[in-house]
């Protein structure tokens, strides 16, 4: 075997031992005290319905996906804020030539003092760049609003939907069944 093969085999063996050793030790050390409460199905505050081997409610995934989209798009705030702030500052026509060169270097990610006449950002271009940045943030908020409207319209933000349905059913008067209507005793006429 080559030296690389020995290192790979050693890596696989150590990689298998590290997760197995704590599991084996835990199996022998931890107490085994099952109770009906510990064995009961738990569904994050939702009333349990049936077995734990049913599909998980999709609305939790939808809200989690919306949260992930929000988190990813918030990461774009930092470059957006840098570009928008710098472009807005560069759009000022009263800005001195030295300050304009320094801001252009920073926005174009160039070494300080390397901006020439051909790479200098003009106030008109900076204004257009700031409008583009503003449109970008509007798209961000639009995506979030559409996502939240979708989740809200579906009713996925009603976290205790089962409890709401139970409360609605308890408040509604019970409808007489067809069996009760056909077998109800007929009123006898009263003698006059």
C-alpha atoms as a PDB file:
ATOM      1  CA  UNK A   1       0.000   0.000   0.000  1.00  0.00           C
ATOM      2  CA  UNK A   2       1.106   3.491  -0.682  1.00  0.00           C
ATOM      3  CA  UNK A   3       1.596   6.150   1.915  1.00  0.00           C
ATOM      4  CA  UNK A   4      -1.561   7.919   0.751  1.00  0.00           C
ATOM      5  CA  UNK A   5      -3.617   4.703   1.094  1.00  0.00           C
ATOM      6  CA  UNK A   6      -2.409   4.186   4.668  1.00  0.00           C
ATOM      7  CA  UNK A   7      -3.311   7.759   5.576  1.00  0.00           C
ATOM      8  CA  UNK A   8      -6.746   7.379   3.974  1.00  0.00           C
ATOM      9  CA  UNK A   9      -7.413   4.098   5.818  1.00  0.00           C
ATOM     10  CA  UNK A  10      -6.280   5.642   9.099  1.00  0.00           C
ATOM     11  CA  UNK A  11      -8.531   8.644   8.480  1.00  0.00           C
ATOM     12  CA  UNK A  12     -11.575   6.402   7.822  1.00  0.00           C
ATOM     13  CA  UNK A  13     -10.904   4.284  10.940  1.00  0.00           C
ATOM     14  CA  UNK A  14     -10.486   7.309  13.213  1.00  0.00           C
ATOM     15  CA  UNK A  15     -13.534   8.949  11.567  1.00  0.00           C
ATOM     16  CA  UNK A  16     -15.614   5.858  12.398  1.00  0.00           C
ATOM     17  CA  UNK A  17     -14.311   5.547  15.955  1.00  0.00           C
ATOM     18  CA  UNK A  18     -15.019   9.148  17.000  1.00  0.00           C
ATOM     19  CA  UNK A  19     -18.825   8.987  16.616  1.00  0.00           C
ATOM     20  CA  UNK A  20     -19.163   5.342  17.711  1.00  0.00           C
ATOM     21  CA  UNK A  21     -17.285   5.554  21.027  1.00  0.00           C
ATOM     22  CA  UNK A  22     -19.598   8.178  22.642  1.00  0.00           C
ATOM     23  CA  UNK A  23     -22.668   6.295  21.403  1.00  0.00           C
ATOM     24  CA  UNK A  24     -21.472   3.011  22.887  1.00  0.00           C
ATOM     25  CA  UNK A  25     -20.446   4.637  26.184  1.00  0.00           C
ATOM     26  CA  UNK A  26     -23.799   6.459  26.354  1.00  0.00           C
ATOM     27  CA  UNK A  27     -25.702   3.223  25.777  1.00  0.00           C
ATOM     28  CA  UNK A  28     -24.136   1.663  28.881  1.00  0.00           C
ATOM     29  CA  UNK A  29     -24.035   4.758  31.120  1.00  0.00           C
ATOM     30  CA  UNK A  30     -27.393   6.510  30.645  1.00  0.00           C
ATOM     31  CA  UNK A  31     -30.390   5.407  32.717  1.00  0.00           C
ATOM     32  CA  UNK A  32     -33.286   3.653  31.030  1.00  0.00           C
ATOM     33  CA  UNK A  33     -36.394   5.003  32.755  1.00  0.00           C
ATOM     34  CA  UNK A  34     -39.234   5.102  30.227  1.00  0.00           C
ATOM     35  CA  UNK A  35     -42.511   6.665  31.372  1.00  0.00           C
ATOM     36  CA  UNK A  36     -45.737   7.183  29.422  1.00  0.00           C
ATOM     37  CA  UNK A  37     -45.059  10.928  29.406  1.00  0.00           C
ATOM     38  CA  UNK A  38     -41.555  10.454  27.951  1.00  0.00           C
ATOM     39  CA  UNK A  39     -42.857   8.020  25.330  1.00  0.00           C
ATOM     40  CA  UNK A  40     -45.714  10.335  24.288  1.00  0.00           C
ATOM     41  CA  UNK A  41     -45.640  12.020  20.880  1.00  0.00           C
ATOM     42  CA  UNK A  42     -44.590  15.684  21.027  1.00  0.00           C
ATOM     43  CA  UNK A  43     -45.438  18.091  18.203  1.00  0.00           C
ATOM     44  CA  UNK A  44     -44.057  21.480  19.291  1.00  0.00           C
ATOM     45  CA  UNK A  45     -47.149  22.803  21.039  1.00  0.00           C
ATOM     46  CA  UNK A  46     -49.649  21.346  18.575  1.00  0.00           C
ATOM     47  CA  UNK A  47     -52.196  18.921  19.995  1.00  0.00           C
ATOM     48  CA  UNK A  48     -51.025  15.440  19.102  1.00  0.00           C
ATOM     49  CA  UNK A  49     -53.143  13.644  16.571  1.00  0.00           C
ATOM     50  CA  UNK A  50     -52.379  10.032  15.847  1.00  0.00           C
ATOM     51  CA  UNK A  51     -48.977   8.422  15.561  1.00  0.00           C
ATOM     52  CA  UNK A  52     -45.638  10.202  15.412  1.00  0.00           C
ATOM     53  CA  UNK A  53     -44.963   8.496  12.081  1.00  0.00           C
ATOM     54  CA  UNK A  54     -47.214  10.814  10.112  1.00  0.00           C
ATOM     55  CA  UNK A  55     -46.055  13.595   7.824  1.00  0.00           C
ATOM     56  CA  UNK A  56     -45.018  16.805   9.528  1.00  0.00           C
ATOM     57  CA  UNK A  57     -47.211  19.848   8.999  1.00  0.00           C
ATOM     58  CA  UNK A  58     -46.052  21.668   5.876  1.00  0.00           C
ATOM     59  CA  UNK A  59     -46.691  25.157   7.247  1.00  0.00           C
ATOM     60  CA  UNK A  60     -43.673  24.905   9.549  1.00  0.00           C
ATOM     61  CA  UNK A  61     -41.478  24.289   6.499  1.00  0.00           C
ATOM     62  CA  UNK A  62     -43.059  27.200   4.626  1.00  0.00           C
ATOM     63  CA  UNK A  63     -42.390  29.634   7.466  1.00  0.00           C
ATOM     64  CA  UNK A  64     -38.858  28.253   7.905  1.00  0.00           C
ATOM     65  CA  UNK A  65     -38.214  28.705   4.185  1.00  0.00           C
ATOM     66  CA  UNK A  66     -39.460  32.283   4.381  1.00  0.00           C
ATOM     67  CA  UNK A  67     -37.118  32.874   7.325  1.00  0.00           C
ATOM     68  CA  UNK A  68     -34.163  31.444   5.365  1.00  0.00           C
ATOM     69  CA  UNK A  69     -34.989  33.693   2.403  1.00  0.00           C
ATOM     70  CA  UNK A  70     -35.119  36.655   4.770  1.00  0.00           C
ATOM     71  CA  UNK A  71     -31.761  35.719   6.322  1.00  0.00           C
ATOM     72  CA  UNK A  72     -30.068  35.281   2.960  1.00  0.00           C
ATOM     73  CA  UNK A  73     -31.415  38.554   1.637  1.00  0.00           C
ATOM     74  CA  UNK A  74     -30.381  40.422   4.790  1.00  0.00           C
ATOM     75  CA  UNK A  75     -26.817  39.402   3.950  1.00  0.00           C
ATOM     76  CA  UNK A  76     -27.198  41.547   0.822  1.00  0.00           C
ATOM     77  CA  UNK A  77     -27.927  44.606   2.973  1.00  0.00           C
ATOM     78  CA  UNK A  78     -24.254  45.220   3.710  1.00  0.00           C
ATOM     79  CA  UNK A  79     -22.994  45.503   0.136  1.00  0.00           C
ATOM     80  CA  UNK A  80     -26.176  47.341  -0.795  1.00  0.00           C
ATOM     81  CA  UNK A  81     -25.680  49.844   2.006  1.00  0.00           C
ATOM     82  CA  UNK A  82     -22.054  50.360   0.989  1.00  0.00           C
ATOM     83  CA  UNK A  83     -22.868  50.905  -2.672  1.00  0.00           C
ATOM     84  CA  UNK A  84     -25.960  53.004  -1.997  1.00  0.00           C
ATOM     85  CA  UNK A  85     -24.202  55.211   0.554  1.00  0.00           C
ATOM     86  CA  UNK A  86     -21.111  55.690  -1.597  1.00  0.00           C
ATOM     87  CA  UNK A  87     -23.108  56.282  -4.782  1.00  0.00           C
ATOM     88  CA  UNK A  88     -25.366  58.801  -3.054  1.00  0.00           C
ATOM     89  CA  UNK A  89     -22.301  60.607  -1.751  1.00  0.00           C
ATOM     90  CA  UNK A  90     -20.661  60.532  -5.209  1.00  0.00           C
ATOM     91  CA  UNK A  91     -23.824  61.933  -6.809  1.00  0.00           C
ATOM     92  CA  UNK A  92     -23.200  65.237  -5.018  1.00  0.00           C
ATOM     93  CA  UNK A  93     -21.930  67.614  -7.731  1.00  0.00           C
ATOM     94  CA  UNK A  94     -20.201  69.808  -5.113  1.00  0.00           C
ATOM     95  CA  UNK A  95     -17.843  66.984  -4.047  1.00  0.00           C
ATOM     96  CA  UNK A  96     -14.137  67.797  -4.406  1.00  0.00           C
ATOM     97  CA  UNK A  97     -12.013  65.946  -6.964  1.00  0.00           C
ATOM     98  CA  UNK A  98      -9.894  64.229  -4.272  1.00  0.00           C
ATOM     99  CA  UNK A  99     -12.929  62.973  -2.361  1.00  0.00           C
ATOM    100  CA  UNK A 100     -14.518  61.802  -5.634  1.00  0.00           C
ATOM    101  CA  UNK A 101     -11.356  59.824  -6.495  1.00  0.00           C
ATOM    102  CA  UNK A 102     -11.202  58.240  -3.020  1.00  0.00           C
ATOM    103  CA  UNK A 103     -14.884  57.224  -3.128  1.00  0.00           C
ATOM    104  CA  UNK A 104     -14.492  55.886  -6.666  1.00  0.00           C
ATOM    105  CA  UNK A 105     -11.526  53.777  -5.514  1.00  0.00           C
ATOM    106  CA  UNK A 106     -13.562  52.367  -2.660  1.00  0.00           C
ATOM    107  CA  UNK A 107     -16.667  51.627  -4.764  1.00  0.00           C
ATOM    108  CA  UNK A 108     -14.648  50.066  -7.584  1.00  0.00           C
ATOM    109  CA  UNK A 109     -12.542  48.100  -5.073  1.00  0.00           C
ATOM    110  CA  UNK A 110      -9.293  49.579  -6.351  1.00  0.00           C
ATOM    111  CA  UNK A 111      -6.126  50.412  -4.471  1.00  0.00           C
ATOM    112  CA  UNK A 112      -6.248  53.960  -3.043  1.00  0.00           C
ATOM    113  CA  UNK A 113      -5.066  56.592  -5.500  1.00  0.00           C
ATOM    114  CA  UNK A 114      -5.321  54.421  -8.628  1.00  0.00           C
ATOM    115  CA  UNK A 115      -8.477  55.963 -10.083  1.00  0.00           C
ATOM    116  CA  UNK A 116      -7.716  57.753 -13.314  1.00  0.00           C
ATOM    117  CA  UNK A 117      -9.888  59.968 -15.477  1.00  0.00           C
ATOM    118  CA  UNK A 118     -11.269  56.926 -17.321  1.00  0.00           C
ATOM    119  CA  UNK A 119     -12.361  55.119 -14.122  1.00  0.00           C
ATOM    120  CA  UNK A 120     -13.628  58.128 -12.195  1.00  0.00           C
ATOM    121  CA  UNK A 121     -17.352  57.801 -11.468  1.00  0.00           C
ATOM    122  CA  UNK A 122     -19.284  60.846 -12.639  1.00  0.00           C
ATOM    123  CA  UNK A 123     -22.184  62.308 -10.596  1.00  0.00           C
ATOM    124  CA  UNK A 124     -24.683  61.116 -13.241  1.00  0.00           C
ATOM    125  CA  UNK A 125     -23.355  57.551 -13.109  1.00  0.00           C
ATOM    126  CA  UNK A 126     -23.348  57.660  -9.306  1.00  0.00           C
ATOM    127  CA  UNK A 127     -26.967  58.860  -9.323  1.00  0.00           C
ATOM    128  CA  UNK A 128     -27.917  55.952 -11.611  1.00  0.00           C
ATOM    129  CA  UNK A 129     -26.033  53.546  -9.340  1.00  0.00           C
ATOM    130  CA  UNK A 130     -27.898  54.838  -6.286  1.00  0.00           C
ATOM    131  CA  UNK A 131     -31.236  54.387  -8.113  1.00  0.00           C
ATOM    132  CA  UNK A 132     -30.225  50.824  -8.990  1.00  0.00           C
ATOM    133  CA  UNK A 133     -29.373  50.147  -5.356  1.00  0.00           C
ATOM    134  CA  UNK A 134     -32.696  51.590  -4.246  1.00  0.00           C
ATOM    135  CA  UNK A 135     -34.544  49.422  -6.784  1.00  0.00           C
ATOM    136  CA  UNK A 136     -32.633  46.403  -5.457  1.00  0.00           C
ATOM    137  CA  UNK A 137     -33.828  47.014  -1.911  1.00  0.00           C
ATOM    138  CA  UNK A 138     -37.402  47.501  -3.152  1.00  0.00           C
ATOM    139  CA  UNK A 139     -37.185  44.106  -4.848  1.00  0.00           C
ATOM    140  CA  UNK A 140     -35.952  42.662  -1.535  1.00  0.00           C
ATOM    141  CA  UNK A 141     -38.922  44.053   0.350  1.00  0.00           C
ATOM    142  CA  UNK A 142     -41.261  42.990  -2.449  1.00  0.00           C
ATOM    143  CA  UNK A 143     -40.077  39.378  -2.197  1.00  0.00           C
ATOM    144  CA  UNK A 144     -40.568  39.458   1.557  1.00  0.00           C
ATOM    145  CA  UNK A 145     -44.031  41.001   1.298  1.00  0.00           C
ATOM    146  CA  UNK A 146     -45.142  38.441  -1.288  1.00  0.00           C
ATOM    147  CA  UNK A 147     -43.815  35.628   0.903  1.00  0.00           C
ATOM    148  CA  UNK A 148     -45.494  36.927   4.043  1.00  0.00           C
ATOM    149  CA  UNK A 149     -48.763  37.562   2.164  1.00  0.00           C
ATOM    150  CA  UNK A 150     -48.672  33.999   0.838  1.00  0.00           C
ATOM    151  CA  UNK A 151     -48.070  32.533   4.284  1.00  0.00           C
ATOM    152  CA  UNK A 152     -50.726  34.755   5.849  1.00  0.00           C
ATOM    153  CA  UNK A 153     -53.330  33.965   3.162  1.00  0.00           C
ATOM    154  CA  UNK A 154     -52.777  30.234   3.593  1.00  0.00           C
ATOM    155  CA  UNK A 155     -53.348  30.622   7.330  1.00  0.00           C
ATOM    156  CA  UNK A 156     -49.914  29.275   8.187  1.00  0.00           C
ATOM    157  CA  UNK A 157     -49.365  32.011  10.759  1.00  0.00           C
ATOM    158  CA  UNK A 158     -52.242  30.635  12.862  1.00  0.00           C
ATOM    159  CA  UNK A 159     -49.936  28.408  14.864  1.00  0.00           C
ATOM    160  CA  UNK A 160     -52.676  26.879  16.940  1.00  0.00           C
ATOM    161  CA  UNK A 161     -55.011  26.159  14.037  1.00  0.00           C
ATOM    162  CA  UNK A 162     -56.328  22.996  15.692  1.00  0.00           C
ATOM    163  CA  UNK A 163     -57.250  24.964  18.812  1.00  0.00           C
ATOM    164  CA  UNK A 164     -58.968  27.660  16.707  1.00  0.00           C
ATOM    165  CA  UNK A 165     -61.018  25.024  14.875  1.00  0.00           C
ATOM    166  CA  UNK A 166     -61.998  23.427  18.190  1.00  0.00           C
ATOM    167  CA  UNK A 167     -63.113  26.800  19.540  1.00  0.00           C
ATOM    168  CA  UNK A 168     -65.183  27.459  16.400  1.00  0.00           C
ATOM    169  CA  UNK A 169     -66.847  24.057  16.642  1.00  0.00           C
ATOM    170  CA  UNK A 170     -67.637  24.557  20.316  1.00  0.00           C
ATOM    171  CA  UNK A 171     -69.230  27.961  19.608  1.00  0.00           C
ATOM    172  CA  UNK A 172     -71.413  26.708  16.726  1.00  0.00           C
ATOM    173  CA  UNK A 173     -74.766  25.174  17.732  1.00  0.00           C
ATOM    174  CA  UNK A 174     -74.979  21.467  16.936  1.00  0.00           C
ATOM    175  CA  UNK A 175     -77.030  20.659  13.857  1.00  0.00           C
ATOM    176  CA  UNK A 176     -79.723  17.998  14.324  1.00  0.00           C
ATOM    177  CA  UNK A 177     -78.896  14.870  12.434  1.00  0.00           C
ATOM    178  CA  UNK A 178     -81.216  13.406   9.814  1.00  0.00           C
ATOM    179  CA  UNK A 179     -81.767  10.375  12.071  1.00  0.00           C
ATOM    180  CA  UNK A 180     -83.033  12.556  14.927  1.00  0.00           C
ATOM    181  CA  UNK A 181     -85.406  14.409  12.603  1.00  0.00           C
ATOM    182  CA  UNK A 182     -87.032  11.242  11.198  1.00  0.00           C
ATOM    183  CA  UNK A 183     -87.398   9.474  14.538  1.00  0.00           C
ATOM    184  CA  UNK A 184     -88.560  12.353  16.709  1.00  0.00           C
ATOM    185  CA  UNK A 185     -91.823  11.628  18.454  1.00  0.00           C
ATOM    186  CA  UNK A 186     -94.784  13.345  16.817  1.00  0.00           C
ATOM    187  CA  UNK A 187     -96.780  15.685  19.005  1.00  0.00           C
ATOM    188  CA  UNK A 188    -100.168  14.321  19.850  1.00  0.00           C
ATOM    189  CA  UNK A 189    -103.070  16.712  19.413  1.00  0.00           C
ATOM    190  CA  UNK A 190    -104.358  18.068  22.704  1.00  0.00           C
ATOM    191  CA  UNK A 191    -108.025  17.494  23.458  1.00  0.00           C
ATOM    192  CA  UNK A 192    -110.036  20.672  23.474  1.00  0.00           C
END
